[in-house]
Amino acid sequence: MDRLIYIIGSGRSGSTVMERVLNSSDRLVGVGEVHALWRLPIDGLMCSCGATVPDCTFWRSALSHAEIDADDLAELAELEASVIRNKFLVRQRYDLGKIARDPGIVRFNALQVRLFDGVRFASGAEIVLDSSKAGPRAWALAASERPPVFLHAYRNARDVIASWRKPKFEPSTNSLMNKPSLGSAALDWIKVEQAARSLARRGQRVSRVNYLDFADAPRPTLHAALEPWFAGLVDSMDWRGERDVAPGAQYHSVLGNPDRFDRGVIQIRPQRVVAQDFSRGEALAIQSVAAVLQRIYR
């Protein structure tokens, strides 16, 4: 999986716009939150091309080449429920050697290797980008024979928590995206930060991308993060200025920010949720929790 980029980060951290920008290169294909293929009913799962996954020629080709069927997706879901969990990692003491030897992890990663090979076949791209973001799955991938490059999508706690308090409509599921409580959003942010930083300390290939740096200077920020692993990738993207990128010819992303359905020129601009969007009490609570987290995770 060394030709895989896995985005690890909290939700609302800018992963969708990063994926769309990276997908503008012919060398790379972004496929969204891949775990949606086994977490959600596939018949109604919408691809960013506008078709459901079973009706999408790209996904039909990818799954067929990978020889991944409904039984395999069900097995992935079962394995995720048992070994792709923080409590499992705690039992293994976050020891990548122990994690790699677990039969469930071995099988889970073997199925993923097949799936990503199918995606490369269907796209003709060299590199696959998975923006699932989940920390436990990052640990499983890190325990594979050829771990991916991890792109740590970092956004400050205040902006992430505030963004989650304003839910978005998700066309893939025809419903509003989950609106977690302030505490749940903060806990998710902590878990992902811990996972990304721990993997970096263990020598994994982790490149941190601060959302504000990316929004201010996208090309040099991505270049610094990815050039050590994929020479020339960022320069091969379809830049139309310092902050504008033309979308890729093919884009088959499953689940994620609704912006992935936008096929216009990608404009990279910083987005902030302002205090006026909340009641005085909620704004104060968000600011207080975020201030504590920022002191801990500098």
Protein backbone atom coordinates (compact mmCIF):
# COMPACT_ATOMS: atom_id res chain seq x y z
CA MET A 1 0.00 0.00 0.00
CA ASP A 2 2.99 2.27 -0.51
CA ARG A 3 1.17 3.92 -3.44
CA LEU A 4 -1.64 4.89 -1.11
CA ILE A 5 -2.16 8.24 0.61
CA TYR A 6 -4.41 7.97 3.65
CA ILE A 7 -5.77 11.20 5.09
CA ILE A 8 -5.99 11.07 8.86
CA GLY A 9 -7.73 13.92 10.62
CA SER A 10 -10.86 15.13 12.30
CA GLY A 11 -14.01 15.70 10.29
CA ARG A 12 -14.35 19.27 8.99
CA SER A 13 -10.56 19.51 8.68
CA GLY A 14 -10.43 20.35 4.97
CA SER A 15 -9.91 16.79 3.74
CA THR A 16 -12.48 17.04 0.94
CA VAL A 17 -10.97 20.12 -0.67
CA MET A 18 -7.49 18.57 -0.34
CA GLU A 19 -8.76 15.42 -2.04
CA ARG A 20 -10.41 17.37 -4.86
CA VAL A 21 -7.22 19.36 -5.46
CA LEU A 22 -5.00 16.27 -5.44
CA ASN A 23 -7.45 14.44 -7.72
CA SER A 24 -6.73 17.02 -10.43
CA SER A 25 -3.49 15.13 -11.16
CA ASP A 26 -3.72 12.28 -13.66
CA ARG A 27 -1.32 10.38 -11.41
CA LEU A 28 -3.79 10.18 -8.53
CA VAL A 29 -7.39 9.15 -7.97
CA GLY A 30 -9.32 10.27 -4.90
CA VAL A 31 -12.04 7.88 -3.79
CA GLY A 32 -13.37 9.52 -0.64
CA GLU A 33 -14.11 7.70 2.59
CA VAL A 34 -13.59 4.15 1.36
CA HIS A 35 -14.91 2.59 4.55
CA ALA A 36 -18.39 3.74 3.47
CA LEU A 37 -18.37 0.77 1.06
CA TRP A 38 -18.77 -1.63 3.98
CA ARG A 39 -20.26 0.70 6.60
CA LEU A 40 -23.34 1.71 4.60
CA PRO A 41 -25.81 -0.13 2.31
CA ILE A 42 -24.02 -0.04 -1.02
CA ASP A 43 -27.17 0.01 -3.15
CA GLY A 44 -28.01 3.55 -2.10
CA LEU A 45 -24.49 4.87 -1.67
CA MET A 46 -23.94 7.81 -4.03
CA CYS A 47 -20.67 8.33 -5.91
CA SER A 48 -19.57 11.89 -6.59
CA CYS A 49 -20.13 11.21 -10.31
CA GLY A 50 -23.87 11.21 -9.55
CA ALA A 51 -24.54 7.48 -9.86
CA THR A 52 -25.02 5.00 -7.06
CA VAL A 53 -22.01 2.73 -6.49
CA PRO A 54 -23.68 -0.32 -8.16
CA ASP A 55 -24.51 1.82 -11.23
CA CYS A 56 -21.13 3.59 -11.40
CA THR A 57 -18.96 2.11 -14.17
CA PHE A 58 -15.81 3.04 -12.25
CA TRP A 59 -16.82 1.24 -9.06
CA ARG A 60 -18.23 -1.74 -10.93
CA SER A 61 -14.87 -2.12 -12.68
CA ALA A 62 -12.85 -1.60 -9.50
CA LEU A 63 -14.84 -4.09 -7.41
CA SER A 64 -14.93 -6.64 -10.22
CA HIS A 65 -11.16 -6.49 -10.81
CA ALA A 66 -10.56 -6.71 -7.05
CA GLU A 67 -12.99 -9.64 -6.84
CA ILE A 68 -14.71 -7.89 -3.95
CA ASP A 69 -18.35 -8.89 -3.57
CA ALA A 70 -21.12 -8.42 -1.01
CA ASP A 71 -19.70 -11.18 1.20
CA ASP A 72 -16.28 -9.51 1.25
CA LEU A 73 -17.82 -6.15 2.17
CA ALA A 74 -19.76 -7.84 4.98
CA GLU A 75 -16.52 -9.43 6.19
CA LEU A 76 -14.78 -6.05 6.16
CA ALA A 77 -17.60 -4.65 8.29
CA GLU A 78 -17.27 -7.52 10.76
CA LEU A 79 -13.51 -7.17 10.94
CA GLU A 80 -13.75 -3.43 11.45
CA ALA A 81 -16.15 -4.00 14.34
CA SER A 82 -13.69 -6.35 16.03
CA VAL A 83 -10.14 -5.16 15.32
CA ILE A 84 -10.39 -1.63 13.90
CA ARG A 85 -11.17 -0.21 17.30
CA ASN A 86 -9.24 1.82 19.87
CA LYS A 87 -9.98 -0.80 22.54
CA PHE A 88 -8.30 -3.45 20.36
CA LEU A 89 -5.28 -1.18 19.88
CA VAL A 90 -5.08 -0.59 23.62
CA ARG A 91 -4.99 -4.37 24.21
CA GLN A 92 -2.08 -4.54 21.74
CA ARG A 93 -0.45 -1.58 23.52
CA TYR A 94 -0.27 0.18 20.17
CA ASP A 95 2.58 -2.15 19.25
CA LEU A 96 2.65 -2.26 15.42
CA GLY A 97 4.41 -5.64 15.52
CA LYS A 98 1.65 -7.19 17.61
CA ILE A 99 -1.06 -5.50 15.55
CA ALA A 100 0.50 -6.79 12.32
CA ARG A 101 0.45 -10.38 13.57
CA ASP A 102 -3.25 -10.40 14.47
CA PRO A 103 -5.15 -12.66 12.01
CA GLY A 104 -8.03 -10.19 11.79
CA ILE A 105 -5.69 -7.33 10.83
CA VAL A 106 -3.92 -9.55 8.28
CA ARG A 107 -7.23 -10.42 6.62
CA PHE A 108 -8.54 -6.84 6.80
CA ASN A 109 -5.42 -5.48 5.11
CA ALA A 110 -5.42 -8.23 2.48
CA LEU A 111 -8.94 -7.27 1.42
CA GLN A 112 -7.93 -3.61 1.31
CA VAL A 113 -4.92 -4.37 -0.89
CA ARG A 114 -7.25 -6.05 -3.38
CA LEU A 115 -9.68 -3.14 -3.24
CA PHE A 116 -7.01 -0.50 -3.87
CA ASP A 117 -5.51 -2.56 -6.70
CA GLY A 118 -8.98 -2.62 -8.26
CA VAL A 119 -9.21 1.16 -7.94
CA ARG A 120 -5.85 1.58 -9.70
CA PHE A 121 -7.01 -0.72 -12.48
CA ALA A 122 -10.30 1.14 -12.98
CA SER A 123 -8.69 4.58 -12.89
CA GLY A 124 -5.35 3.98 -14.57
CA ALA A 125 -3.87 6.15 -11.81
CA GLU A 126 -0.63 5.37 -10.01
CA ILE A 127 -1.67 6.63 -6.57
CA VAL A 128 -4.90 6.15 -4.59
CA LEU A 129 -6.09 8.72 -2.06
CA ASP A 130 -8.35 7.47 0.74
CA SER A 131 -9.78 10.28 2.88
CA SER A 132 -11.47 8.09 5.50
CA LYS A 133 -9.61 9.98 8.26
CA ALA A 134 -10.30 7.40 11.02
CA GLY A 135 -7.43 6.82 13.45
CA PRO A 136 -7.89 3.08 14.18
CA ARG A 137 -7.90 2.24 10.49
CA ALA A 138 -4.70 4.25 10.07
CA TRP A 139 -3.07 1.97 12.66
CA ALA A 140 -4.22 -1.10 10.74
CA LEU A 141 -2.77 0.28 7.51
CA ALA A 142 0.47 1.18 9.30
CA ALA A 143 0.75 -2.49 10.29
CA SER A 144 0.59 -3.67 6.67
CA GLU A 145 3.66 -4.90 4.78
CA ARG A 146 3.93 -1.64 2.83
CA PRO A 147 2.33 1.16 4.86
CA PRO A 148 0.86 4.19 3.10
CA VAL A 149 1.86 7.82 3.34
CA PHE A 150 -0.33 9.49 5.95
CA LEU A 151 -1.49 13.03 5.27
CA HIS A 152 -2.36 14.51 8.66
CA ALA A 153 -5.09 17.07 7.94
CA TYR A 154 -4.84 19.39 10.92
CA ARG A 155 -7.32 22.14 11.75
CA ASN A 156 -7.45 23.96 15.07
CA ALA A 157 -9.92 22.62 17.60
CA ARG A 158 -12.04 25.77 17.73
CA ASP A 159 -12.82 25.76 14.01
CA VAL A 160 -13.47 22.00 13.89
CA ILE A 161 -15.83 21.98 16.86
CA ALA A 162 -17.66 25.09 15.65
CA SER A 163 -18.03 23.63 12.15
CA TRP A 164 -19.59 20.46 13.54
CA ARG A 165 -22.23 22.56 15.31
CA LYS A 166 -23.56 23.58 11.87
CA PRO A 167 -24.57 20.35 10.09
CA LYS A 168 -24.46 20.00 6.31
CA PHE A 169 -26.75 18.05 4.00
CA GLU A 170 -25.18 14.82 2.69
CA PRO A 171 -26.54 13.91 -0.79
CA SER A 172 -25.05 10.41 -0.55
CA THR A 173 -27.41 9.46 2.25
CA ASN A 174 -30.11 12.06 1.52
CA SER A 175 -29.90 13.33 5.08
CA LEU A 176 -28.19 15.88 7.29
CA MET A 177 -24.68 14.94 8.35
CA ASN A 178 -24.37 13.91 11.98
CA LYS A 179 -24.26 16.82 14.43
CA PRO A 180 -22.21 15.57 17.40
CA SER A 181 -22.34 17.19 20.79
CA LEU A 182 -19.60 19.63 21.70
CA GLY A 183 -18.00 16.97 23.89
CA SER A 184 -18.15 14.30 21.18
CA ALA A 185 -16.61 16.64 18.60
CA ALA A 186 -13.81 17.53 21.02
CA LEU A 187 -13.16 13.86 21.87
CA ASP A 188 -12.98 12.93 18.17
CA TRP A 189 -10.49 15.75 17.59
CA ILE A 190 -8.35 14.48 20.47
CA LYS A 191 -8.40 10.85 19.28
CA VAL A 192 -7.31 11.74 15.77
CA GLU A 193 -4.57 14.09 16.96
CA GLN A 194 -3.27 11.36 19.27
CA ALA A 195 -3.31 8.78 16.46
CA ALA A 196 -1.53 10.97 13.91
CA ARG A 197 1.15 12.14 16.33
CA SER A 198 1.72 8.62 17.71
CA LEU A 199 2.18 7.17 14.22
CA ALA A 200 4.69 9.90 13.41
CA ARG A 201 6.64 9.11 16.58
CA ARG A 202 6.78 5.46 15.49
CA GLY A 203 8.55 6.37 12.27
CA GLN A 204 5.57 6.20 9.92
CA ARG A 205 5.52 8.50 6.90
CA VAL A 206 3.26 11.22 8.29
CA SER A 207 3.07 14.68 6.73
CA ARG A 208 1.07 17.28 8.61
CA VAL A 209 -0.91 19.85 6.63
CA ASN A 210 -2.31 22.75 8.63
CA TYR A 211 -5.62 23.82 7.08
CA LEU A 212 -4.85 27.54 7.42
CA ASP A 213 -1.43 27.11 5.77
CA PHE A 214 -3.06 25.10 2.98
CA ALA A 215 -5.78 27.73 2.43
CA ASP A 216 -3.21 30.54 2.43
CA ALA A 217 -0.60 28.89 0.19
CA PRO A 218 -1.95 25.58 -1.14
CA ARG A 219 0.72 24.69 -3.67
CA PRO A 220 3.84 25.16 -1.51
CA THR A 221 2.07 23.59 1.50
CA LEU A 222 1.17 20.42 -0.43
CA HIS A 223 4.59 20.40 -2.08
CA ALA A 224 6.32 20.37 1.31
CA ALA A 225 4.04 17.57 2.54
CA LEU A 226 4.14 15.23 -0.46
CA GLU A 227 7.28 15.89 -2.51
CA PRO A 228 9.46 13.65 -0.28
CA TRP A 229 7.25 10.66 -1.12
CA PHE A 230 5.77 11.44 -4.55
CA ALA A 231 8.15 13.60 -6.54
CA GLY A 232 6.42 15.86 -9.06
CA LEU A 233 2.89 14.99 -7.92
CA VAL A 234 1.88 18.47 -6.76
CA ASP A 235 3.31 20.12 -9.88
CA SER A 236 1.28 17.70 -12.03
CA MET A 237 -1.99 19.03 -10.63
CA ASP A 238 -4.10 21.27 -12.85
CA TRP A 239 -3.33 24.62 -11.23
CA ARG A 240 -5.13 27.67 -12.65
CA GLY A 241 -3.49 30.22 -10.38
CA GLU A 242 -2.13 30.30 -6.86
CA ARG A 243 -5.40 29.15 -5.25
CA ASP A 244 -7.50 27.76 -8.09
CA VAL A 245 -7.43 24.24 -9.51
CA ALA A 246 -9.41 22.67 -12.35
CA PRO A 247 -11.17 19.46 -11.26
CA GLY A 248 -9.86 16.13 -12.49
CA ALA A 249 -11.44 14.42 -15.49
CA GLN A 250 -12.63 11.58 -13.27
CA TYR A 251 -13.69 11.76 -9.65
CA HIS A 252 -15.41 8.87 -7.89
CA SER A 253 -15.53 9.78 -4.23
CA VAL A 254 -17.80 7.97 -1.78
CA LEU A 255 -19.05 9.87 1.26
CA GLY A 256 -17.61 13.08 2.65
CA ASN A 257 -18.30 16.79 2.43
CA PRO A 258 -21.11 17.64 -0.05
CA ASP A 259 -18.65 19.91 -1.91
CA ARG A 260 -17.33 16.80 -3.66
CA PHE A 261 -20.37 17.00 -5.98
CA ASP A 262 -19.27 20.44 -7.22
CA ARG A 263 -17.62 20.12 -10.63
CA GLY A 264 -16.58 23.76 -11.05
CA VAL A 265 -13.10 25.20 -10.63
CA ILE A 266 -11.89 24.47 -7.09
CA GLN A 267 -11.29 27.71 -5.23
CA ILE A 268 -9.12 27.23 -2.16
CA ARG A 269 -10.12 29.80 0.42
CA PRO A 270 -10.06 29.75 4.23
CA GLN A 271 -13.45 29.13 5.83
CA ARG A 272 -14.22 30.18 9.39
CA VAL A 273 -17.36 29.72 11.44
CA VAL A 274 -17.97 33.05 13.18
CA ALA A 275 -19.22 33.55 16.74
CA GLN A 276 -22.38 35.24 15.47
CA ASP A 277 -23.53 31.86 14.17
CA PHE A 278 -24.09 30.69 17.76
CA SER A 279 -25.76 31.74 20.94
CA ARG A 280 -23.54 33.53 23.45
CA GLY A 281 -23.47 30.48 25.70
CA GLU A 282 -22.60 28.03 22.93
CA ALA A 283 -19.90 30.32 21.52
CA LEU A 284 -18.34 30.63 24.98
CA ALA A 285 -18.43 26.85 25.51
CA ILE A 286 -16.78 26.19 22.13
CA GLN A 287 -14.08 28.76 22.80
CA SER A 288 -13.38 27.45 26.31
CA VAL A 289 -13.05 23.79 25.28
CA ALA A 290 -10.94 24.69 22.25
CA ALA A 291 -8.61 26.87 24.30
CA VAL A 292 -7.82 23.97 26.63
CA LEU A 293 -7.18 21.59 23.73
CA GLN A 294 -4.92 24.06 21.93
CA ARG A 295 -2.78 24.43 25.05
CA ILE A 296 -2.41 20.65 25.30
CA TYR A 297 -1.87 19.98 21.58
CA ARG A 298 0.40 22.78 20.41
